[in-house]
C-alpha atoms as a PDB file:
ATOM      1  CA  MET A   1     -72.641  27.121  15.346  1.00  0.00           C
ATOM      2  CA  ALA A   2     -69.157  25.615  15.665  1.00  0.00           C
ATOM      3  CA  SER A   3     -65.786  27.169  14.926  1.00  0.00           C
ATOM      4  CA  VAL A   4     -63.477  25.242  12.627  1.00  0.00           C
ATOM      5  CA  ALA A   5     -59.813  26.172  12.260  1.00  0.00           C
ATOM      6  CA  ALA A   6     -57.031  24.792  10.089  1.00  0.00           C
ATOM      7  CA  LYS A   7     -53.533  25.528   8.872  1.00  0.00           C
ATOM      8  CA  MET A   8     -52.308  25.358   5.264  1.00  0.00           C
ATOM      9  CA  LYS A   9     -49.072  26.353   3.530  1.00  0.00           C
ATOM     10  CA  LEU A  10     -48.587  28.927   0.773  1.00  0.00           C
ATOM     11  CA  PHE A  11     -45.588  28.716  -1.555  1.00  0.00           C
ATOM     12  CA  LYS A  12     -43.066  31.526  -1.079  1.00  0.00           C
ATOM     13  CA  GLY A  13     -43.548  34.429  -3.450  1.00  0.00           C
ATOM     14  CA  PHE A  14     -47.278  33.870  -3.996  1.00  0.00           C
ATOM     15  CA  GLU A  15     -48.627  36.000  -1.153  1.00  0.00           C
ATOM     16  CA  GLU A  16     -50.028  38.721  -3.422  1.00  0.00           C
ATOM     17  CA  GLU A  17     -51.453  36.196  -5.889  1.00  0.00           C
ATOM     18  CA  TYR A  18     -53.202  34.299  -3.082  1.00  0.00           C
ATOM     19  CA  LYS A  19     -54.812  37.510  -1.832  1.00  0.00           C
ATOM     20  CA  LYS A  20     -55.777  38.539  -5.379  1.00  0.00           C
ATOM     21  CA  ARG A  21     -57.480  35.216  -6.071  1.00  0.00           C
ATOM     22  CA  HIS A  22     -59.456  35.482  -2.849  1.00  0.00           C
ATOM     23  CA  ASP A  23     -60.344  39.114  -3.504  1.00  0.00           C
ATOM     24  CA  GLU A  24     -61.846  37.808  -6.761  1.00  0.00           C
ATOM     25  CA  ILE A  25     -63.435  34.680  -5.234  1.00  0.00           C
ATOM     26  CA  TRP A  26     -65.933  33.052  -7.539  1.00  0.00           C
ATOM     27  CA  PRO A  27     -69.582  33.872  -6.719  1.00  0.00           C
ATOM     28  CA  GLU A  28     -70.524  30.195  -7.165  1.00  0.00           C
ATOM     29  CA  LEU A  29     -67.959  29.216  -4.512  1.00  0.00           C
ATOM     30  CA  VAL A  30     -69.371  31.781  -2.081  1.00  0.00           C
ATOM     31  CA  ILE A  31     -72.864  30.387  -2.712  1.00  0.00           C
ATOM     32  CA  LEU A  32     -71.649  26.822  -2.138  1.00  0.00           C
ATOM     33  CA  LEU A  33     -69.966  27.735   1.155  1.00  0.00           C
ATOM     34  CA  LYS A  34     -72.990  29.666   2.416  1.00  0.00           C
ATOM     35  CA  GLU A  35     -75.370  26.864   1.383  1.00  0.00           C
ATOM     36  CA  THR A  36     -73.136  24.482   3.323  1.00  0.00           C
ATOM     37  CA  GLY A  37     -73.583  26.633   6.429  1.00  0.00           C
ATOM     38  CA  VAL A  38     -70.194  28.372   6.416  1.00  0.00           C
ATOM     39  CA  SER A  39     -70.036  31.926   7.751  1.00  0.00           C
ATOM     40  CA  ASN A  40     -67.494  34.329   9.200  1.00  0.00           C
ATOM     41  CA  TYR A  41     -64.698  32.681   7.192  1.00  0.00           C
ATOM     42  CA  HIS A  42     -61.306  34.294   7.764  1.00  0.00           C
ATOM     43  CA  ILE A  43     -57.893  33.323   6.400  1.00  0.00           C
ATOM     44  CA  TYR A  44     -54.755  34.819   7.926  1.00  0.00           C
ATOM     45  CA  LEU A  45     -51.210  34.699   6.565  1.00  0.00           C
ATOM     46  CA  ASP A  46     -48.113  34.361   8.756  1.00  0.00           C
ATOM     47  CA  LYS A  47     -45.565  36.080   6.490  1.00  0.00           C
ATOM     48  CA  GLU A  48     -42.605  34.585   8.372  1.00  0.00           C
ATOM     49  CA  THR A  49     -43.612  30.978   7.653  1.00  0.00           C
ATOM     50  CA  ASN A  50     -46.100  31.403   4.773  1.00  0.00           C
ATOM     51  CA  SER A  51     -48.596  29.464   6.871  1.00  0.00           C
ATOM     52  CA  LEU A  52     -52.254  30.188   6.275  1.00  0.00           C
ATOM     53  CA  PHE A  53     -54.646  30.005   9.208  1.00  0.00           C
ATOM     54  CA  ALA A  54     -58.301  29.543   8.308  1.00  0.00           C
ATOM     55  CA  ILE A  55     -61.117  30.055  10.798  1.00  0.00           C
ATOM     56  CA  MET A  56     -64.783  29.680   9.969  1.00  0.00           C
ATOM     57  CA  GLU A  57     -68.078  29.090  11.644  1.00  0.00           C
ATOM     58  CA  ALA A  58     -70.091  26.128  10.438  1.00  0.00           C
ATOM     59  CA  ALA A  59     -73.725  25.450  11.244  1.00  0.00           C
ATOM     60  CA  ASP A  60     -72.961  21.717  11.081  1.00  0.00           C
ATOM     61  CA  PRO A  61     -69.251  20.881  10.702  1.00  0.00           C
ATOM     62  CA  SER A  62     -70.067  17.344   9.552  1.00  0.00           C
ATOM     63  CA  ILE A  63     -71.606  18.788   6.347  1.00  0.00           C
ATOM     64  CA  LEU A  64     -68.178  20.195   5.416  1.00  0.00           C
ATOM     65  CA  ARG A  65     -67.175  16.638   4.496  1.00  0.00           C
ATOM     66  CA  ASN A  66     -69.428  16.963   1.438  1.00  0.00           C
ATOM     67  CA  LEU A  67     -67.493  19.909  -0.021  1.00  0.00           C
ATOM     68  CA  PRO A  68     -64.778  17.823  -1.754  1.00  0.00           C
ATOM     69  CA  SER A  69     -67.372  16.196  -4.013  1.00  0.00           C
ATOM     70  CA  SER A  70     -68.584  19.554  -5.332  1.00  0.00           C
ATOM     71  CA  PRO A  71     -67.417  20.392  -8.867  1.00  0.00           C
ATOM     72  CA  VAL A  72     -67.007  24.056  -7.837  1.00  0.00           C
ATOM     73  CA  MET A  73     -64.697  23.088  -4.981  1.00  0.00           C
ATOM     74  CA  GLN A  74     -62.709  20.767  -7.230  1.00  0.00           C
ATOM     75  CA  ARG A  75     -62.226  23.562  -9.789  1.00  0.00           C
ATOM     76  CA  TRP A  76     -61.143  25.998  -7.023  1.00  0.00           C
ATOM     77  CA  TRP A  77     -58.580  23.523  -5.721  1.00  0.00           C
ATOM     78  CA  ALA A  78     -57.206  23.002  -9.233  1.00  0.00           C
ATOM     79  CA  TYR A  79     -56.995  26.790  -9.598  1.00  0.00           C
ATOM     80  CA  MET A  80     -55.084  27.139  -6.305  1.00  0.00           C
ATOM     81  CA  LYS A  81     -52.726  24.141  -6.508  1.00  0.00           C
ATOM     82  CA  ASP A  82     -49.932  26.081  -8.223  1.00  0.00           C
ATOM     83  CA  ILE A  83     -49.524  28.477  -5.298  1.00  0.00           C
ATOM     84  CA  MET A  84     -49.979  26.272  -2.210  1.00  0.00           C
ATOM     85  CA  GLU A  85     -49.122  22.841  -0.886  1.00  0.00           C
ATOM     86  CA  SER A  86     -51.701  20.407  -2.254  1.00  0.00           C
ATOM     87  CA  ASN A  87     -52.601  16.725  -2.240  1.00  0.00           C
ATOM     88  CA  ALA A  88     -52.715  14.544  -5.352  1.00  0.00           C
ATOM     89  CA  ASP A  89     -56.432  15.387  -5.797  1.00  0.00           C
ATOM     90  CA  ASN A  90     -55.521  19.128  -5.769  1.00  0.00           C
ATOM     91  CA  SER A  91     -57.103  19.670  -2.332  1.00  0.00           C
ATOM     92  CA  PRO A  92     -54.938  21.788  -0.059  1.00  0.00           C
ATOM     93  CA  ILE A  93     -52.903  19.976   2.561  1.00  0.00           C
ATOM     94  CA  VAL A  94     -54.833  20.924   5.690  1.00  0.00           C
ATOM     95  CA  PHE A  95     -53.836  20.523   9.309  1.00  0.00           C
ATOM     96  CA  PRO A  96     -56.852  20.874  11.613  1.00  0.00           C
ATOM     97  CA  LEU A  97     -56.215  23.102  14.617  1.00  0.00           C
ATOM     98  CA  GLU A  98     -57.464  22.304  18.096  1.00  0.00           C
ATOM     99  CA  GLU A  99     -59.145  25.060  20.072  1.00  0.00           C
ATOM    100  CA  VAL A 100     -57.374  25.572  23.392  1.00  0.00           C
ATOM    101  CA  PHE A 101     -58.938  28.879  24.486  1.00  0.00           C
ATOM    102  CA  TYR A 102     -62.144  30.772  23.840  1.00  0.00           C
ATOM    103  CA  LEU A 103     -63.285  34.114  25.253  1.00  0.00           C
ATOM    104  CA  PRO A 104     -66.985  34.680  24.566  1.00  0.00           C
END
């Protein structure tokens, strides 16, 4: 199991909407993530900068590269693009984070 962490950016004023959408996450998206080997997925919000910090465990991080081709993921990105910084294909602009410390 490997930890994967990334940073994204939420538009100002959409903090509650972002949380609401994730509180109501689509069951088919949860199934897709779990089938891809994702577990212990956390997203944190820095309210000062509106930066989102995502941390997940992945059974095989290389399989995560297949997620963008999933229709469910594409629909989720389209659903989220109005409240966060996104690329032209609606995927969130993601900055991978490097692990510099781990306490087992």
